[in-house]
Protein backbone atom coordinates (compact mmCIF):
# COMPACT_ATOMS: atom_id res chain seq x y z
CA MET A 1 90.82 156.48 116.69
CA LYS A 2 90.21 155.13 113.19
CA SER A 3 90.58 151.38 112.61
CA THR A 4 93.43 150.44 110.32
CA LEU A 5 92.03 146.98 109.60
CA ASN A 6 91.85 146.33 105.86
CA THR A 7 88.34 145.13 105.01
CA LYS A 8 89.70 143.00 102.17
CA ILE A 9 91.84 140.96 104.58
CA VAL A 10 89.04 139.98 106.99
CA PRO A 11 87.00 137.88 104.50
CA THR A 12 90.21 136.20 103.29
CA VAL A 13 91.26 135.34 106.85
CA LEU A 14 87.79 134.00 107.67
CA THR A 15 87.71 131.91 104.49
CA THR A 16 91.18 130.55 105.24
CA CYS A 17 90.20 129.69 108.82
CA ALA A 18 87.02 127.95 107.68
CA ALA A 19 88.96 125.94 105.09
CA GLY A 20 91.51 125.00 107.75
CA LEU A 21 88.78 123.82 110.12
CA LEU A 22 87.21 121.77 107.34
CA PHE A 23 90.61 120.24 106.55
CA LEU A 24 91.27 119.46 110.23
CA SER A 25 87.86 117.89 110.73
CA SER A 26 88.41 115.76 107.62
CA GLY A 27 91.80 114.71 108.97
CA ALA A 28 90.24 113.83 112.31
CA ALA A 29 87.68 111.69 110.52
CA LEU A 30 90.44 109.96 108.61
CA ALA A 31 92.37 109.28 111.80
CA GLY A 32 89.81 106.79 113.11
CA ALA A 33 90.28 103.03 112.97
CA THR A 34 88.93 101.19 109.98
CA ASN A 35 88.07 97.82 108.64
CA HIS A 36 89.23 97.73 105.04
CA GLU A 37 88.20 94.31 103.89
CA GLY A 38 88.93 93.53 100.28
CA MET A 39 91.78 96.01 99.92
CA ASN A 40 94.41 95.41 97.29
CA HIS A 41 97.43 96.21 99.46
CA GLY A 42 99.97 95.36 96.80
CA SER A 43 98.91 98.15 94.47
CA MET A 44 97.46 100.63 96.96
CA ASN A 45 98.21 104.31 96.83
CA ARG A 46 96.51 107.30 98.40
CA ASP A 47 94.15 107.61 95.42
CA ASP A 48 92.76 104.19 96.31
CA MET A 49 91.52 105.52 99.64
CA LYS A 50 88.03 106.83 100.15
CA VAL A 51 85.70 107.62 102.99
CA ARG A 52 82.55 105.59 102.66
CA SER A 53 79.24 107.12 103.52
CA GLY A 54 78.35 106.51 107.15
CA HIS A 55 81.96 105.83 108.18
CA ALA A 56 84.21 108.46 109.66
CA SER A 57 87.38 106.55 108.90
CA PRO A 58 89.61 105.60 105.99
CA GLN A 59 88.44 102.59 104.07
CA HIS A 60 90.52 100.63 101.67
CA GLY A 61 89.02 100.08 98.44
CA ASP A 62 87.89 100.70 95.08
CA ASP A 63 84.65 99.23 93.91
CA SER A 64 86.51 97.19 91.29
CA HIS A 65 87.86 94.94 94.02
CA GLY A 66 84.49 93.31 94.45
CA GLY A 67 85.32 92.31 98.02
CA GLY A 68 88.10 89.95 96.87
CA HIS A 69 91.72 90.12 97.82
CA HIS A 70 94.67 90.59 95.52
CA ALA A 71 96.63 87.67 94.16
CA SER A 72 99.65 86.98 96.31
CA ALA A 73 102.79 84.92 95.87
CA ALA A 74 102.31 84.13 99.58
CA GLY A 75 99.20 82.08 98.82
CA GLU A 76 95.45 82.59 99.00
CA PRO A 77 92.58 82.45 101.47
CA GLY A 78 92.00 78.84 102.48
CA ASP A 79 88.82 76.81 102.79
CA ALA A 80 87.92 76.38 106.48
CA ASP A 81 86.54 72.91 105.68
CA GLU A 82 89.87 71.74 104.27
CA VAL A 83 92.32 72.73 107.02
CA ASP A 84 95.39 70.48 107.19
CA ARG A 85 96.77 71.90 110.41
CA THR A 86 95.99 74.44 113.13
CA ILE A 87 98.79 76.61 114.48
CA GLU A 88 98.35 78.77 117.58
CA VAL A 89 100.31 82.02 117.55
CA THR A 90 100.55 84.64 120.26
CA ALA A 91 101.37 88.32 119.77
CA HIS A 92 103.42 89.91 122.55
CA ASP A 93 104.14 93.51 123.55
CA ALA A 94 107.84 92.60 123.43
CA MET A 95 107.20 92.87 119.66
CA ARG A 96 107.40 89.16 118.99
CA PHE A 97 105.19 86.41 117.64
CA LYS A 98 105.47 83.01 119.29
CA PRO A 99 106.28 80.90 117.42
CA SER A 100 108.11 83.20 115.02
CA SER A 101 109.34 80.55 112.60
CA LEU A 102 107.19 77.89 110.98
CA THR A 103 107.51 75.30 108.23
CA VAL A 104 104.58 74.09 106.11
CA LYS A 105 104.25 72.10 102.91
CA GLN A 106 103.28 73.72 99.63
CA GLY A 107 99.53 73.44 99.17
CA ALA A 108 98.84 73.16 102.93
CA THR A 109 95.82 74.98 104.32
CA ILE A 110 96.62 76.32 107.76
CA ARG A 111 94.24 77.73 110.37
CA PHE A 112 96.16 80.29 112.40
CA VAL A 113 94.59 80.96 115.80
CA LEU A 114 96.00 84.30 116.93
CA THR A 115 95.85 85.63 120.47
CA ASN A 116 97.02 89.07 121.49
CA VAL A 117 98.46 88.47 124.98
CA GLY A 118 99.68 92.07 125.22
CA GLN A 119 98.18 95.36 126.31
CA ILE A 120 98.30 97.13 122.93
CA ARG A 121 96.85 96.44 119.47
CA HIS A 122 98.78 94.07 117.20
CA GLU A 123 98.33 92.77 113.67
CA PHE A 124 99.06 89.52 111.90
CA VAL A 125 99.69 89.95 108.17
CA ILE A 126 100.80 87.21 105.78
CA GLY A 127 102.74 88.26 102.69
CA THR A 128 105.92 88.09 100.71
CA ALA A 129 108.76 90.38 101.83
CA ASP A 130 107.86 92.82 99.02
CA GLU A 131 104.14 92.79 99.87
CA VAL A 132 104.87 93.36 103.56
CA ARG A 133 107.32 96.19 102.75
CA GLU A 134 104.73 97.97 100.57
CA HIS A 135 102.02 97.52 103.15
CA LYS A 136 104.32 98.76 105.93
CA GLN A 137 104.91 101.98 103.99
CA THR A 138 101.15 102.47 103.66
CA MET A 139 100.67 101.86 107.37
CA GLN A 140 103.25 104.52 108.17
CA GLN A 141 101.18 107.01 106.17
CA MET A 142 97.89 105.86 107.70
CA PRO A 143 98.72 104.45 111.16
CA ASN A 144 95.14 103.97 112.33
CA MET A 145 94.09 101.49 109.66
CA VAL A 146 92.70 98.25 111.06
CA HIS A 147 93.11 95.08 109.02
CA GLU A 148 90.50 92.41 108.48
CA ASP A 149 91.47 91.10 105.07
CA PRO A 150 91.80 87.43 104.12
CA ASN A 151 95.57 87.63 104.76
CA SER A 152 95.47 89.78 107.89
CA LEU A 153 93.93 90.32 111.28
CA SER A 154 93.94 93.14 113.78
CA LEU A 155 93.73 92.15 117.42
CA GLU A 156 92.94 94.32 120.40
CA PRO A 157 94.48 93.32 123.75
CA GLY A 158 93.16 89.92 124.87
CA GLN A 159 91.43 89.12 121.57
CA THR A 160 91.67 85.78 119.79
CA LYS A 161 90.82 85.44 116.10
CA SER A 162 91.51 82.92 113.39
CA LEU A 163 92.65 83.13 109.79
CA VAL A 164 92.71 80.30 107.24
CA TRP A 165 95.42 80.50 104.59
CA GLN A 166 96.62 78.16 101.85
CA PHE A 167 100.32 78.35 101.01
CA THR A 168 100.33 77.73 97.25
CA ASN A 169 103.95 78.49 96.38
CA PRO A 170 107.26 77.25 97.82
CA GLY A 171 109.58 79.81 99.37
CA VAL A 172 109.70 82.04 102.44
CA VAL A 173 106.67 84.07 103.49
CA GLN A 174 106.54 86.65 106.26
CA ILE A 175 104.12 87.06 109.12
CA ALA A 176 104.29 90.61 110.40
CA CYS A 177 102.71 93.19 112.64
CA LEU A 178 102.42 96.41 110.65
CA VAL A 179 101.21 98.69 113.43
CA PRO A 180 103.73 101.54 113.01
CA GLY A 181 106.96 100.78 114.86
CA HIS A 182 106.18 97.12 115.59
CA TYR A 183 107.83 95.62 112.48
CA ALA A 184 110.95 97.75 112.98
CA ALA A 185 111.09 96.53 116.59
CA GLY A 186 111.22 92.94 115.36
CA MET A 187 107.59 91.84 115.18
CA VAL A 188 108.09 89.71 112.08
CA GLY A 189 108.38 85.98 111.58
CA THR A 190 108.78 83.55 108.73
CA VAL A 191 106.88 80.67 107.24
CA ARG A 192 109.09 78.38 105.15
CA VAL A 193 106.94 76.71 102.51
CA THR A 194 108.60 73.51 101.31
CA ALA A 195 108.02 72.30 97.76
CA VAL A 196 106.02 69.14 97.19
CA ASN A 197 107.98 66.68 95.04
C-alpha cells in the first residue's frame, strides 16, 4: 500500500509544532512570580515588559526607570528615619485589610507594618483610584507578578514586611490587594489625607 502522506505537509507540521512548543515554554517562563522593583505602573503596557537574563519570569521595567518609581498623586516613598507614625495592618483571606480605613495628615510619613495572617498570597498597594485601576488591569493580564516597589508589597502567608510612605497631597488614597480577584472581592481600603492649614 502506497503512503498518501504529502511530503510538503510534514515539514510544515513539524515547524508549527516546534514553534508552538517554543511559545508554550516562553509562556511557562512568563508565568513565574517576579519581583519588578522600579516599575512605572501608571504608564505600563505589555511593551514595557521584558524577561531579564537569568530570570525565568516577567520583570517590570525599562532601563530608563533607573530603579526609581513613578510620580504619584498618592505620595512618594518616605524616609525611614523620619517616620511620624507606625500603622500595623493585617491582610486576611476574607479579602479584607484591618484596619481598612485610615486618616493621616498631609506630609506625614507613615511606616506600614503589614502581616499576611491568611493562607494565600496578598498584596498591599498604595495609589490613587486611577493608579490602582490601571495596575489592576495589568495584574489581570499577568496574574503571577509579585510586587516589591516603593508603593507596594507582596506577602506570602505568615509574612510580615514594612513599607514607608509619605502622603504629600490631600485627598483619598487607596490601599489595595491586586492579586486577581482580591480587589473585586473587597480587598481595598482608604487613606484619607487631610490638608495641613
